Amino acid sequence: MASTGGITYSVAEFNTIVTMLGCLCATVQLFTGLYSAYYKKKIALIKTNDILFRTHRAFGGFATTLYFLGLFAGLTGFIGALIFNIPPFEGTDLSFMVHVWPSFAVMIVIIWKTYISYFRKPSIYKKGKWLGIATFLAWAFTWISSAFSYYLRTLPSNPQHPSPTYLLPFNLLWLQILIPFLIGTLISYFVLQAAHKLELRKEQSSMKKAEK
């Protein structure tokens, strides 16, 4: 448990918020990638369009940072559960199994994407179309499964955590799950509008030069 100005919240809620923010960033990164690779059919546009480049890099960097922050908390909790049973190791619980065991596959996908993005940049343009979508799906799974796992442990039947302070109450879980996708989509809308206008200006400029 932790407290800020008399408001108490749990570490589990903080970790859930971190995952939600990571999913939001991954949603924005997905749309910039889809616009380049599928709508414009030029994946290199992420690099040549300044608005797309800055947005994709910024939100990708945020998502990576948030993932590794959450990964550290998750691994320390998992090791603590295995060795000290703190938090309780719930190996037969369905929400535990759905959230924890597939998370190792998620970890491989995101670490691989991070490695290629930072250390083998030319490869990202070959694998970017499917690897970007795989990364988003990994984030979406992580967020949805972690949200269910957290909320189920705030119920009276399994009161491991107090009721959420900053997140929505349990009866609005469906809306809480949608929030990062909705906000990410809204941010992406304005970003892509600006990026599309920039591309149109470039095309018009090229046409004028060609006419001369």
C-alpha atoms as a PDB file:
ATOM      1  CA  MET A   1       0.000   0.000   0.000  1.00  0.00           C
ATOM      2  CA  ALA A   2       1.110   3.572  -0.632  1.00  0.00           C
ATOM      3  CA  SER A   3      -0.300   6.991   0.110  1.00  0.00           C
ATOM      4  CA  THR A   4      -0.215  10.438  -1.535  1.00  0.00           C
ATOM      5  CA  GLY A   5      -1.821  13.309   0.325  1.00  0.00           C
ATOM      6  CA  GLY A   6      -4.003  10.970   2.357  1.00  0.00           C
ATOM      7  CA  ILE A   7      -5.198   9.032  -0.721  1.00  0.00           C
ATOM      8  CA  THR A   8      -4.262   5.379  -0.477  1.00  0.00           C
ATOM      9  CA  TYR A   9      -3.586   3.166  -3.464  1.00  0.00           C
ATOM     10  CA  SER A  10      -1.968  -0.212  -3.980  1.00  0.00           C
ATOM     11  CA  VAL A  11       1.198  -1.072  -5.877  1.00  0.00           C
ATOM     12  CA  ALA A  12      -0.953  -3.422  -7.968  1.00  0.00           C
ATOM     13  CA  GLU A  13      -3.116  -0.488  -9.090  1.00  0.00           C
ATOM     14  CA  PHE A  14      -0.017   1.533  -9.950  1.00  0.00           C
ATOM     15  CA  ASN A  15       1.351  -1.354 -12.051  1.00  0.00           C
ATOM     16  CA  THR A  16      -2.018  -1.692 -13.797  1.00  0.00           C
ATOM     17  CA  ILE A  17      -1.977   2.021 -14.663  1.00  0.00           C
ATOM     18  CA  VAL A  18       1.545   1.639 -16.073  1.00  0.00           C
ATOM     19  CA  THR A  19       0.316  -1.182 -18.314  1.00  0.00           C
ATOM     20  CA  MET A  20      -2.684   0.872 -19.420  1.00  0.00           C
ATOM     21  CA  LEU A  21      -0.442   3.800 -20.419  1.00  0.00           C
ATOM     22  CA  GLY A  22       1.859   1.431 -22.310  1.00  0.00           C
ATOM     23  CA  CYS A  23      -1.108   0.070 -24.252  1.00  0.00           C
ATOM     24  CA  LEU A  24      -2.205   3.626 -25.061  1.00  0.00           C
ATOM     25  CA  CYS A  25       1.250   4.408 -26.480  1.00  0.00           C
ATOM     26  CA  ALA A  26       1.284   1.138 -28.433  1.00  0.00           C
ATOM     27  CA  THR A  27      -2.098   2.053 -29.954  1.00  0.00           C
ATOM     28  CA  VAL A  28      -0.732   5.354 -31.271  1.00  0.00           C
ATOM     29  CA  GLN A  29       2.335   3.576 -32.624  1.00  0.00           C
ATOM     30  CA  LEU A  30       0.093   1.028 -34.347  1.00  0.00           C
ATOM     31  CA  PHE A  31      -1.891   3.677 -36.223  1.00  0.00           C
ATOM     32  CA  THR A  32       1.201   5.525 -37.442  1.00  0.00           C
ATOM     33  CA  GLY A  33       2.535   2.204 -38.720  1.00  0.00           C
ATOM     34  CA  LEU A  34      -0.768   1.236 -40.377  1.00  0.00           C
ATOM     35  CA  TYR A  35      -0.980   4.593 -42.114  1.00  0.00           C
ATOM     36  CA  SER A  36       2.513   4.220 -43.548  1.00  0.00           C
ATOM     37  CA  ALA A  37       2.611   0.518 -44.370  1.00  0.00           C
ATOM     38  CA  TYR A  38      -0.972  -0.163 -45.440  1.00  0.00           C
ATOM     39  CA  TYR A  39      -2.732   3.105 -46.302  1.00  0.00           C
ATOM     40  CA  LYS A  40       0.157   4.817 -48.087  1.00  0.00           C
ATOM     41  CA  LYS A  41       1.979   1.524 -48.786  1.00  0.00           C
ATOM     42  CA  LYS A  42       5.312   3.172 -47.907  1.00  0.00           C
ATOM     43  CA  ILE A  43       6.628   1.872 -44.603  1.00  0.00           C
ATOM     44  CA  ALA A  44       9.639   4.187 -44.938  1.00  0.00           C
ATOM     45  CA  LEU A  45       7.185   7.076 -44.580  1.00  0.00           C
ATOM     46  CA  ILE A  46       7.605   6.679 -40.821  1.00  0.00           C
ATOM     47  CA  LYS A  47      11.110   8.031 -41.366  1.00  0.00           C
ATOM     48  CA  THR A  48      10.519  10.582 -44.133  1.00  0.00           C
ATOM     49  CA  ASN A  49       7.352  12.206 -42.749  1.00  0.00           C
ATOM     50  CA  ASP A  50       8.537  14.339 -39.835  1.00  0.00           C
ATOM     51  CA  ILE A  51       5.212  14.189 -37.957  1.00  0.00           C
ATOM     52  CA  LEU A  52       4.968  10.409 -38.253  1.00  0.00           C
ATOM     53  CA  PHE A  53       8.632   9.996 -37.382  1.00  0.00           C
ATOM     54  CA  ARG A  54       8.460  12.055 -34.199  1.00  0.00           C
ATOM     55  CA  THR A  55       5.170  10.518 -33.072  1.00  0.00           C
ATOM     56  CA  HIS A  56       6.180   6.938 -33.814  1.00  0.00           C
ATOM     57  CA  ARG A  57       9.535   7.340 -32.082  1.00  0.00           C
ATOM     58  CA  ALA A  58       8.156   9.204 -29.060  1.00  0.00           C
ATOM     59  CA  PHE A  59       5.235   6.876 -28.332  1.00  0.00           C
ATOM     60  CA  GLY A  60       7.357   3.836 -29.133  1.00  0.00           C
ATOM     61  CA  GLY A  61       9.957   5.038 -26.633  1.00  0.00           C
ATOM     62  CA  PHE A  62       7.273   5.623 -23.998  1.00  0.00           C
ATOM     63  CA  ALA A  63       5.788   2.174 -24.606  1.00  0.00           C
ATOM     64  CA  THR A  64       9.197   0.509 -24.295  1.00  0.00           C
ATOM     65  CA  THR A  65      10.014   2.346 -21.062  1.00  0.00           C
ATOM     66  CA  LEU A  66       6.630   1.524 -19.549  1.00  0.00           C
ATOM     67  CA  TYR A  67       6.909  -2.116 -20.599  1.00  0.00           C
ATOM     68  CA  PHE A  68      10.266  -2.615 -18.913  1.00  0.00           C
ATOM     69  CA  LEU A  69       9.026  -0.795 -15.815  1.00  0.00           C
ATOM     70  CA  GLY A  70       6.060  -3.156 -15.682  1.00  0.00           C
ATOM     71  CA  LEU A  71       8.263  -6.135 -16.528  1.00  0.00           C
ATOM     72  CA  PHE A  72      10.512  -5.410 -13.549  1.00  0.00           C
ATOM     73  CA  ALA A  73       7.502  -5.211 -11.225  1.00  0.00           C
ATOM     74  CA  GLY A  74       6.001  -8.364 -12.731  1.00  0.00           C
ATOM     75  CA  LEU A  75       9.184 -10.428 -12.498  1.00  0.00           C
ATOM     76  CA  THR A  76       9.903  -9.369  -8.912  1.00  0.00           C
ATOM     77  CA  GLY A  77       6.320 -10.244  -7.980  1.00  0.00           C
ATOM     78  CA  PHE A  78       6.555 -13.590  -9.767  1.00  0.00           C
ATOM     79  CA  ILE A  79       9.844 -14.478  -8.060  1.00  0.00           C
ATOM     80  CA  GLY A  80       8.422 -13.367  -4.707  1.00  0.00           C
ATOM     81  CA  ALA A  81       5.381 -15.569  -5.224  1.00  0.00           C
ATOM     82  CA  LEU A  82       7.538 -18.573  -6.136  1.00  0.00           C
ATOM     83  CA  ILE A  83       9.979 -18.227  -3.238  1.00  0.00           C
ATOM     84  CA  PHE A  84       8.060 -16.509  -0.439  1.00  0.00           C
ATOM     85  CA  ASN A  85       4.434 -16.876  -1.583  1.00  0.00           C
ATOM     86  CA  ILE A  86       4.163 -13.053  -1.406  1.00  0.00           C
ATOM     87  CA  PRO A  87       1.991 -12.279  -3.300  1.00  0.00           C
ATOM     88  CA  PRO A  88       0.267 -15.679  -3.176  1.00  0.00           C
ATOM     89  CA  PHE A  89       1.282 -18.033  -5.950  1.00  0.00           C
ATOM     90  CA  GLU A  90      -2.015 -18.937  -7.645  1.00  0.00           C
ATOM     91  CA  GLY A  91      -0.817 -21.455 -10.184  1.00  0.00           C
ATOM     92  CA  THR A  92      -4.251 -23.043 -10.600  1.00  0.00           C
ATOM     93  CA  ASP A  93      -6.208 -19.778 -10.823  1.00  0.00           C
ATOM     94  CA  LEU A  94      -7.541 -19.139 -14.336  1.00  0.00           C
ATOM     95  CA  SER A  95      -6.830 -15.395 -14.402  1.00  0.00           C
ATOM     96  CA  PHE A  96      -3.308 -16.057 -13.095  1.00  0.00           C
ATOM     97  CA  MET A  97      -2.629 -18.659 -15.777  1.00  0.00           C
ATOM     98  CA  VAL A  98      -4.090 -16.521 -18.572  1.00  0.00           C
ATOM     99  CA  HIS A  99      -2.126 -13.423 -17.544  1.00  0.00           C
ATOM    100  CA  VAL A 100       1.205 -14.811 -16.315  1.00  0.00           C
ATOM    101  CA  TRP A 101       2.241 -17.733 -18.517  1.00  0.00           C
ATOM    102  CA  PRO A 102       1.543 -16.109 -21.928  1.00  0.00           C
ATOM    103  CA  SER A 103       3.387 -13.016 -20.660  1.00  0.00           C
ATOM    104  CA  PHE A 104       6.668 -14.808 -21.302  1.00  0.00           C
ATOM    105  CA  ALA A 105       5.779 -15.053 -25.010  1.00  0.00           C
ATOM    106  CA  VAL A 106       4.793 -11.366 -24.936  1.00  0.00           C
ATOM    107  CA  MET A 107       8.173 -10.563 -23.404  1.00  0.00           C
ATOM    108  CA  ILE A 108       9.976 -12.285 -26.299  1.00  0.00           C
ATOM    109  CA  VAL A 109       7.963 -10.347 -28.918  1.00  0.00           C
ATOM    110  CA  ILE A 110       8.492  -6.935 -27.325  1.00  0.00           C
ATOM    111  CA  ILE A 111      12.176  -7.483 -26.517  1.00  0.00           C
ATOM    112  CA  TRP A 112      12.771  -8.697 -30.088  1.00  0.00           C
ATOM    113  CA  LYS A 113      10.944  -5.643 -31.496  1.00  0.00           C
ATOM    114  CA  THR A 114      12.971  -3.366 -29.203  1.00  0.00           C
ATOM    115  CA  TYR A 115      16.245  -5.012 -30.219  1.00  0.00           C
ATOM    116  CA  ILE A 116      15.523  -4.662 -33.949  1.00  0.00           C
ATOM    117  CA  SER A 117      14.328  -1.051 -33.523  1.00  0.00           C
ATOM    118  CA  TYR A 118      17.470   0.077 -31.719  1.00  0.00           C
ATOM    119  CA  PHE A 119      20.239  -2.197 -32.987  1.00  0.00           C
ATOM    120  CA  ARG A 120      19.168  -3.502 -36.418  1.00  0.00           C
ATOM    121  CA  LYS A 121      17.239  -0.558 -37.802  1.00  0.00           C
ATOM    122  CA  PRO A 122      17.308  -1.577 -41.515  1.00  0.00           C
ATOM    123  CA  SER A 123      15.540  -4.850 -40.633  1.00  0.00           C
ATOM    124  CA  ILE A 124      12.563  -3.015 -39.174  1.00  0.00           C
ATOM    125  CA  TYR A 125      11.442  -1.972 -42.655  1.00  0.00           C
ATOM    126  CA  LYS A 126      11.383  -5.612 -43.793  1.00  0.00           C
ATOM    127  CA  LYS A 127       9.654  -7.033 -40.710  1.00  0.00           C
ATOM    128  CA  GLY A 128       7.801  -3.877 -39.694  1.00  0.00           C
ATOM    129  CA  LYS A 129       4.414  -4.712 -41.203  1.00  0.00           C
ATOM    130  CA  TRP A 130       3.785  -7.849 -39.198  1.00  0.00           C
ATOM    131  CA  LEU A 131       6.085  -7.208 -36.244  1.00  0.00           C
ATOM    132  CA  GLY A 132       4.389  -3.887 -35.478  1.00  0.00           C
ATOM    133  CA  ILE A 133       0.974  -5.566 -35.411  1.00  0.00           C
ATOM    134  CA  ALA A 134       2.360  -8.422 -33.304  1.00  0.00           C
ATOM    135  CA  THR A 135       3.740  -5.902 -30.824  1.00  0.00           C
ATOM    136  CA  PHE A 136       0.378  -4.148 -30.559  1.00  0.00           C
ATOM    137  CA  LEU A 137      -1.433  -7.457 -30.044  1.00  0.00           C
ATOM    138  CA  ALA A 138       1.095  -8.345 -27.351  1.00  0.00           C
ATOM    139  CA  TRP A 139       0.401  -5.027 -25.621  1.00  0.00           C
ATOM    140  CA  ALA A 140      -3.372  -5.429 -25.977  1.00  0.00           C
ATOM    141  CA  PHE A 141      -3.229  -8.912 -24.442  1.00  0.00           C
ATOM    142  CA  THR A 142      -1.008  -7.686 -21.602  1.00  0.00           C
ATOM    143  CA  TRP A 143      -3.330  -4.800 -20.774  1.00  0.00           C
ATOM    144  CA  ILE A 144      -6.600  -6.751 -20.949  1.00  0.00           C
ATOM    145  CA  SER A 145      -5.307  -9.753 -18.991  1.00  0.00           C
ATOM    146  CA  SER A 146      -3.618  -7.582 -16.345  1.00  0.00           C
ATOM    147  CA  ALA A 147      -6.778  -5.492 -15.919  1.00  0.00           C
ATOM    148  CA  PHE A 148      -8.892  -8.608 -15.360  1.00  0.00           C
ATOM    149  CA  SER A 149      -6.258 -10.069 -13.035  1.00  0.00           C
ATOM    150  CA  TYR A 150      -6.119  -6.873 -10.961  1.00  0.00           C
ATOM    151  CA  TYR A 151      -9.861  -6.238 -10.759  1.00  0.00           C
ATOM    152  CA  LEU A 152     -10.718  -9.828  -9.831  1.00  0.00           C
ATOM    153  CA  ARG A 153      -8.410  -9.453  -6.820  1.00  0.00           C
ATOM    154  CA  THR A 154     -10.280  -6.397  -5.565  1.00  0.00           C
ATOM    155  CA  LEU A 155     -13.532  -8.316  -5.159  1.00  0.00           C
ATOM    156  CA  PRO A 156     -14.780  -9.418  -1.711  1.00  0.00           C
ATOM    157  CA  SER A 157     -14.358 -13.039  -2.824  1.00  0.00           C
ATOM    158  CA  ASN A 158     -10.593 -12.502  -3.314  1.00  0.00           C
ATOM    159  CA  PRO A 159      -9.615  -9.267  -1.491  1.00  0.00           C
ATOM    160  CA  GLN A 160      -5.874  -9.169  -2.209  1.00  0.00           C
ATOM    161  CA  HIS A 161      -6.021  -5.472  -3.221  1.00  0.00           C
ATOM    162  CA  PRO A 162      -8.181  -2.569  -2.073  1.00  0.00           C
ATOM    163  CA  SER A 163     -10.760  -1.149  -4.455  1.00  0.00           C
ATOM    164  CA  PRO A 164      -9.231   1.063  -7.146  1.00  0.00           C
ATOM    165  CA  THR A 165      -8.577   4.702  -6.296  1.00  0.00           C
ATOM    166  CA  TYR A 166      -7.593   6.126  -9.693  1.00  0.00           C
ATOM    167  CA  LEU A 167      -8.991   3.459 -11.992  1.00  0.00           C
ATOM    168  CA  LEU A 168     -12.724   3.057 -12.573  1.00  0.00           C
ATOM    169  CA  PRO A 169     -14.769   0.810 -10.245  1.00  0.00           C
ATOM    170  CA  PHE A 170     -15.293  -2.857 -11.062  1.00  0.00           C
ATOM    171  CA  ASN A 171     -18.738  -2.332 -12.608  1.00  0.00           C
ATOM    172  CA  LEU A 172     -17.076  -0.127 -15.253  1.00  0.00           C
ATOM    173  CA  LEU A 173     -14.275  -2.575 -16.022  1.00  0.00           C
ATOM    174  CA  TRP A 174     -15.404  -2.789 -19.659  1.00  0.00           C
ATOM    175  CA  LEU A 175     -14.954   0.972 -20.054  1.00  0.00           C
ATOM    176  CA  GLN A 176     -11.614   0.944 -18.234  1.00  0.00           C
ATOM    177  CA  ILE A 177     -10.345  -1.663 -20.684  1.00  0.00           C
ATOM    178  CA  LEU A 178     -11.452   0.450 -23.657  1.00  0.00           C
ATOM    179  CA  ILE A 179      -9.957   3.727 -22.397  1.00  0.00           C
ATOM    180  CA  PRO A 180      -6.331   3.287 -23.654  1.00  0.00           C
ATOM    181  CA  PHE A 181      -7.591   2.169 -27.074  1.00  0.00           C
ATOM    182  CA  LEU A 182     -10.052   5.066 -27.317  1.00  0.00           C
ATOM    183  CA  ILE A 183      -7.573   7.740 -26.203  1.00  0.00           C
ATOM    184  CA  GLY A 184      -4.841   6.247 -28.389  1.00  0.00           C
ATOM    185  CA  THR A 185      -7.189   6.288 -31.386  1.00  0.00           C
ATOM    186  CA  LEU A 186      -8.160   9.908 -30.686  1.00  0.00           C
ATOM    187  CA  ILE A 187      -4.523  11.009 -30.475  1.00  0.00           C
ATOM    188  CA  SER A 188      -3.766   9.066 -33.657  1.00  0.00           C
ATOM    189  CA  TYR A 189      -6.605  10.800 -35.507  1.00  0.00           C
ATOM    190  CA  PHE A 190      -5.085  14.240 -34.997  1.00  0.00           C
ATOM    191  CA  VAL A 191      -1.562  12.996 -35.695  1.00  0.00           C
ATOM    192  CA  LEU A 192      -2.566  11.307 -38.952  1.00  0.00           C
ATOM    193  CA  GLN A 193      -4.574  14.339 -40.064  1.00  0.00           C
ATOM    194  CA  ALA A 194      -1.464  16.490 -39.672  1.00  0.00           C
ATOM    195  CA  ALA A 195       0.787  13.864 -41.292  1.00  0.00           C
ATOM    196  CA  HIS A 196      -1.585  13.474 -44.254  1.00  0.00           C
ATOM    197  CA  LYS A 197      -1.682  17.230 -44.828  1.00  0.00           C
ATOM    198  CA  LEU A 198       2.107  17.278 -44.783  1.00  0.00           C
ATOM    199  CA  GLU A 199       2.201  14.539 -47.430  1.00  0.00           C
ATOM    200  CA  LEU A 200      -0.271  16.453 -49.597  1.00  0.00           C
ATOM    201  CA  ARG A 201       1.881  19.571 -49.388  1.00  0.00           C
ATOM    202  CA  LYS A 202       4.928  17.512 -50.402  1.00  0.00           C
ATOM    203  CA  GLU A 203       3.054  16.033 -53.374  1.00  0.00           C
ATOM    204  CA  GLN A 204       1.831  19.446 -54.500  1.00  0.00           C
ATOM    205  CA  SER A 205       5.350  20.842 -54.199  1.00  0.00           C
ATOM    206  CA  SER A 206       6.735  17.968 -56.281  1.00  0.00           C
ATOM    207  CA  MET A 207       4.091  18.513 -58.961  1.00  0.00           C
ATOM    208  CA  LYS A 208       4.926  22.218 -59.200  1.00  0.00           C
ATOM    209  CA  LYS A 209       8.624  21.432 -59.557  1.00  0.00           C
ATOM    210  CA  ALA A 210       7.842  18.854 -62.268  1.00  0.00           C
ATOM    211  CA  GLU A 211       5.753  21.410 -64.200  1.00  0.00           C
ATOM    212  CA  LYS A 212       8.681  23.840 -64.212  1.00  0.00           C
END
